[in-house]
Amino acid sequence: MPDVIIYALILTLVQIWLLPFVLNRKNMAYMMSNRDQEPEVSLALQRVRRAATNLQESLPAFLALCLLAMQLNVDVSAAAMTWIGLRVIYLACYGFGIAALRSVTWISSVVTLIYMAMLLA
């Protein structure tokens, strides 16, 4: 189960730090500054940032469920990996602007969190 938490944290680093950095390379002076004035950014970067915000909203629940599963010795690793896979798909859909699939993927990830919680009840 610790490996699933590590995968989720890797996804978080990629989504919150690496992708925005790569998509914002042209604004390197801004990134090395005090960031007093926001530069114009690409649509892709805006989408990745919104997807990252969404991840930050659901990640605490995911981590809490994983830690609780470890404490209770309940195997939720398959559901947890499903959640991570859905979050990767969600990021790709958001980044490429595939709205309908993005929404279905988000709903599926929430249902997966609920399923994880039910496994612990």
C-alpha atoms as a PDB file:
ATOM      1  CA  MET A   1       0.000   0.000   0.000  1.00  0.00           C
ATOM      2  CA  PRO A   2       2.836   2.486   0.597  1.00  0.00           C
ATOM      3  CA  ASP A   3       3.721   2.150  -3.084  1.00  0.00           C
ATOM      4  CA  VAL A   4       0.259   3.425  -4.059  1.00  0.00           C
ATOM      5  CA  ILE A   5       0.753   6.497  -1.886  1.00  0.00           C
ATOM      6  CA  ILE A   6       4.131   7.091  -3.519  1.00  0.00           C
ATOM      7  CA  TYR A   7       2.535   6.816  -6.998  1.00  0.00           C
ATOM      8  CA  ALA A   8      -0.097   9.358  -5.984  1.00  0.00           C
ATOM      9  CA  LEU A   9       2.587  11.720  -4.731  1.00  0.00           C
ATOM     10  CA  ILE A  10       4.576  11.303  -7.954  1.00  0.00           C
ATOM     11  CA  LEU A  11       1.431  12.152  -9.923  1.00  0.00           C
ATOM     12  CA  THR A  12       0.994  15.195  -7.699  1.00  0.00           C
ATOM     13  CA  LEU A  13       4.554  16.396  -8.312  1.00  0.00           C
ATOM     14  CA  VAL A  14       4.211  15.890 -12.046  1.00  0.00           C
ATOM     15  CA  GLN A  15       0.862  17.638 -12.181  1.00  0.00           C
ATOM     16  CA  ILE A  16       1.580  20.540  -9.815  1.00  0.00           C
ATOM     17  CA  TRP A  17       5.230  21.210 -10.592  1.00  0.00           C
ATOM     18  CA  LEU A  18       6.635  19.486 -13.677  1.00  0.00           C
ATOM     19  CA  LEU A  19       3.875  20.031 -16.243  1.00  0.00           C
ATOM     20  CA  PRO A  20       3.324  23.705 -15.355  1.00  0.00           C
ATOM     21  CA  PHE A  21       7.087  24.259 -15.470  1.00  0.00           C
ATOM     22  CA  VAL A  22       7.375  22.671 -18.906  1.00  0.00           C
ATOM     23  CA  LEU A  23       4.331  24.520 -20.254  1.00  0.00           C
ATOM     24  CA  ASN A  24       5.554  27.844 -18.840  1.00  0.00           C
ATOM     25  CA  ARG A  25       9.195  27.720 -20.016  1.00  0.00           C
ATOM     26  CA  LYS A  26       8.767  30.897 -22.081  1.00  0.00           C
ATOM     27  CA  ASN A  27       8.090  32.813 -18.844  1.00  0.00           C
ATOM     28  CA  MET A  28      11.314  31.771 -17.111  1.00  0.00           C
ATOM     29  CA  ALA A  29      12.037  35.355 -15.994  1.00  0.00           C
ATOM     30  CA  TYR A  30       8.643  35.419 -14.289  1.00  0.00           C
ATOM     31  CA  MET A  31       9.219  32.065 -12.617  1.00  0.00           C
ATOM     32  CA  MET A  32      12.549  33.331 -11.220  1.00  0.00           C
ATOM     33  CA  SER A  33      10.997  36.581  -9.955  1.00  0.00           C
ATOM     34  CA  ASN A  34       8.755  37.590  -7.054  1.00  0.00           C
ATOM     35  CA  ARG A  35       5.800  36.915  -9.387  1.00  0.00           C
ATOM     36  CA  ASP A  36       4.179  40.274  -8.728  1.00  0.00           C
ATOM     37  CA  GLN A  37       2.440  40.411 -12.098  1.00  0.00           C
ATOM     38  CA  GLU A  38       0.954  37.320 -13.736  1.00  0.00           C
ATOM     39  CA  PRO A  39       2.125  36.872 -17.357  1.00  0.00           C
ATOM     40  CA  GLU A  40      -0.118  35.643 -20.142  1.00  0.00           C
ATOM     41  CA  VAL A  41      -0.132  31.860 -20.209  1.00  0.00           C
ATOM     42  CA  SER A  42      -1.260  29.265 -22.705  1.00  0.00           C
ATOM     43  CA  LEU A  43      -4.648  27.613 -22.636  1.00  0.00           C
ATOM     44  CA  ALA A  44      -2.920  24.274 -21.972  1.00  0.00           C
ATOM     45  CA  LEU A  45      -1.203  25.694 -18.877  1.00  0.00           C
ATOM     46  CA  GLN A  46      -4.489  27.116 -17.618  1.00  0.00           C
ATOM     47  CA  ARG A  47      -6.111  23.711 -18.016  1.00  0.00           C
ATOM     48  CA  VAL A  48      -3.246  21.888 -16.290  1.00  0.00           C
ATOM     49  CA  ARG A  49      -3.451  24.346 -13.393  1.00  0.00           C
ATOM     50  CA  ARG A  50      -7.206  23.771 -13.039  1.00  0.00           C
ATOM     51  CA  ALA A  51      -6.661  20.008 -13.116  1.00  0.00           C
ATOM     52  CA  ALA A  52      -3.994  20.397 -10.424  1.00  0.00           C
ATOM     53  CA  THR A  53      -6.398  22.364  -8.256  1.00  0.00           C
ATOM     54  CA  ASN A  54      -8.950  19.593  -8.668  1.00  0.00           C
ATOM     55  CA  LEU A  55      -6.345  16.996  -7.680  1.00  0.00           C
ATOM     56  CA  GLN A  56      -5.489  18.991  -4.568  1.00  0.00           C
ATOM     57  CA  GLU A  57      -9.157  18.894  -3.585  1.00  0.00           C
ATOM     58  CA  SER A  58      -9.445  15.095  -3.740  1.00  0.00           C
ATOM     59  CA  LEU A  59      -5.920  14.013  -2.778  1.00  0.00           C
ATOM     60  CA  PRO A  60      -6.422  14.462   1.004  1.00  0.00           C
ATOM     61  CA  ALA A  61      -9.426  12.105   0.955  1.00  0.00           C
ATOM     62  CA  PHE A  62      -7.467   9.575  -1.095  1.00  0.00           C
ATOM     63  CA  LEU A  63      -4.473   9.698   1.237  1.00  0.00           C
ATOM     64  CA  ALA A  64      -6.692   9.448   4.320  1.00  0.00           C
ATOM     65  CA  LEU A  65      -8.413   6.388   2.891  1.00  0.00           C
ATOM     66  CA  CYS A  66      -5.062   4.764   2.053  1.00  0.00           C
ATOM     67  CA  LEU A  67      -3.671   5.419   5.515  1.00  0.00           C
ATOM     68  CA  LEU A  68      -6.840   4.156   7.161  1.00  0.00           C
ATOM     69  CA  ALA A  69      -6.713   1.019   5.004  1.00  0.00           C
ATOM     70  CA  MET A  70      -3.145   0.424   6.126  1.00  0.00           C
ATOM     71  CA  GLN A  71      -4.147   0.904   9.768  1.00  0.00           C
ATOM     72  CA  LEU A  72      -7.104  -1.481   9.442  1.00  0.00           C
ATOM     73  CA  ASN A  73      -5.187  -3.992   7.277  1.00  0.00           C
ATOM     74  CA  VAL A  74      -7.764  -3.729   4.487  1.00  0.00           C
ATOM     75  CA  ASP A  75      -6.500  -4.155   0.931  1.00  0.00           C
ATOM     76  CA  VAL A  76      -7.771  -1.256  -1.175  1.00  0.00           C
ATOM     77  CA  SER A  77      -4.772  -1.255  -3.507  1.00  0.00           C
ATOM     78  CA  ALA A  78      -6.739  -2.189  -6.636  1.00  0.00           C
ATOM     79  CA  ALA A  79      -9.235   0.612  -6.042  1.00  0.00           C
ATOM     80  CA  ALA A  80      -6.403   3.006  -5.186  1.00  0.00           C
ATOM     81  CA  MET A  81      -4.567   2.196  -8.422  1.00  0.00           C
ATOM     82  CA  THR A  82      -7.835   2.645 -10.293  1.00  0.00           C
ATOM     83  CA  TRP A  83      -8.171   6.107  -8.739  1.00  0.00           C
ATOM     84  CA  ILE A  84      -4.619   7.011  -9.776  1.00  0.00           C
ATOM     85  CA  GLY A  85      -5.277   5.769 -13.317  1.00  0.00           C
ATOM     86  CA  LEU A  86      -8.479   7.793 -13.492  1.00  0.00           C
ATOM     87  CA  ARG A  87      -6.612  10.888 -12.286  1.00  0.00           C
ATOM     88  CA  VAL A  88      -4.018  10.417 -15.048  1.00  0.00           C
ATOM     89  CA  ILE A  89      -6.814  10.115 -17.617  1.00  0.00           C
ATOM     90  CA  TYR A  90      -8.520  13.169 -16.071  1.00  0.00           C
ATOM     91  CA  LEU A  91      -5.330  15.205 -16.444  1.00  0.00           C
ATOM     92  CA  ALA A  92      -4.941  14.157 -20.077  1.00  0.00           C
ATOM     93  CA  CYS A  93      -8.583  14.938 -20.847  1.00  0.00           C
ATOM     94  CA  TYR A  94      -8.358  18.321 -19.167  1.00  0.00           C
ATOM     95  CA  GLY A  95      -5.072  19.166 -20.859  1.00  0.00           C
ATOM     96  CA  PHE A  96      -6.365  18.283 -24.311  1.00  0.00           C
ATOM     97  CA  GLY A  97      -9.805  19.820 -23.747  1.00  0.00           C
ATOM     98  CA  ILE A  98     -11.885  16.624 -23.911  1.00  0.00           C
ATOM     99  CA  ALA A  99     -14.677  17.914 -21.671  1.00  0.00           C
ATOM    100  CA  ALA A 100     -17.224  15.066 -21.773  1.00  0.00           C
ATOM    101  CA  LEU A 101     -14.695  12.314 -21.049  1.00  0.00           C
ATOM    102  CA  ARG A 102     -13.064  14.513 -18.409  1.00  0.00           C
ATOM    103  CA  SER A 103     -16.386  14.797 -16.561  1.00  0.00           C
ATOM    104  CA  VAL A 104     -17.039  11.057 -16.744  1.00  0.00           C
ATOM    105  CA  THR A 105     -13.515  10.375 -15.503  1.00  0.00           C
ATOM    106  CA  TRP A 106     -13.914  12.793 -12.600  1.00  0.00           C
ATOM    107  CA  ILE A 107     -17.213  11.190 -11.565  1.00  0.00           C
ATOM    108  CA  SER A 108     -15.576   7.764 -11.811  1.00  0.00           C
ATOM    109  CA  SER A 109     -12.720   8.890  -9.571  1.00  0.00           C
ATOM    110  CA  VAL A 110     -15.195  10.136  -6.946  1.00  0.00           C
ATOM    111  CA  VAL A 111     -17.103   6.849  -7.136  1.00  0.00           C
ATOM    112  CA  THR A 112     -13.788   5.042  -6.655  1.00  0.00           C
ATOM    113  CA  LEU A 113     -13.111   7.060  -3.487  1.00  0.00           C
ATOM    114  CA  ILE A 114     -16.581   6.142  -2.217  1.00  0.00           C
ATOM    115  CA  TYR A 115     -15.886   2.488  -3.023  1.00  0.00           C
ATOM    116  CA  MET A 116     -12.605   2.664  -1.114  1.00  0.00           C
ATOM    117  CA  ALA A 117     -14.470   4.084   1.874  1.00  0.00           C
ATOM    118  CA  MET A 118     -17.085   1.322   1.643  1.00  0.00           C
ATOM    119  CA  LEU A 119     -14.317  -1.290   1.707  1.00  0.00           C
ATOM    120  CA  LEU A 120     -13.227   0.174   5.030  1.00  0.00           C
ATOM    121  CA  ALA A 121     -16.676   0.200   6.628  1.00  0.00           C
END
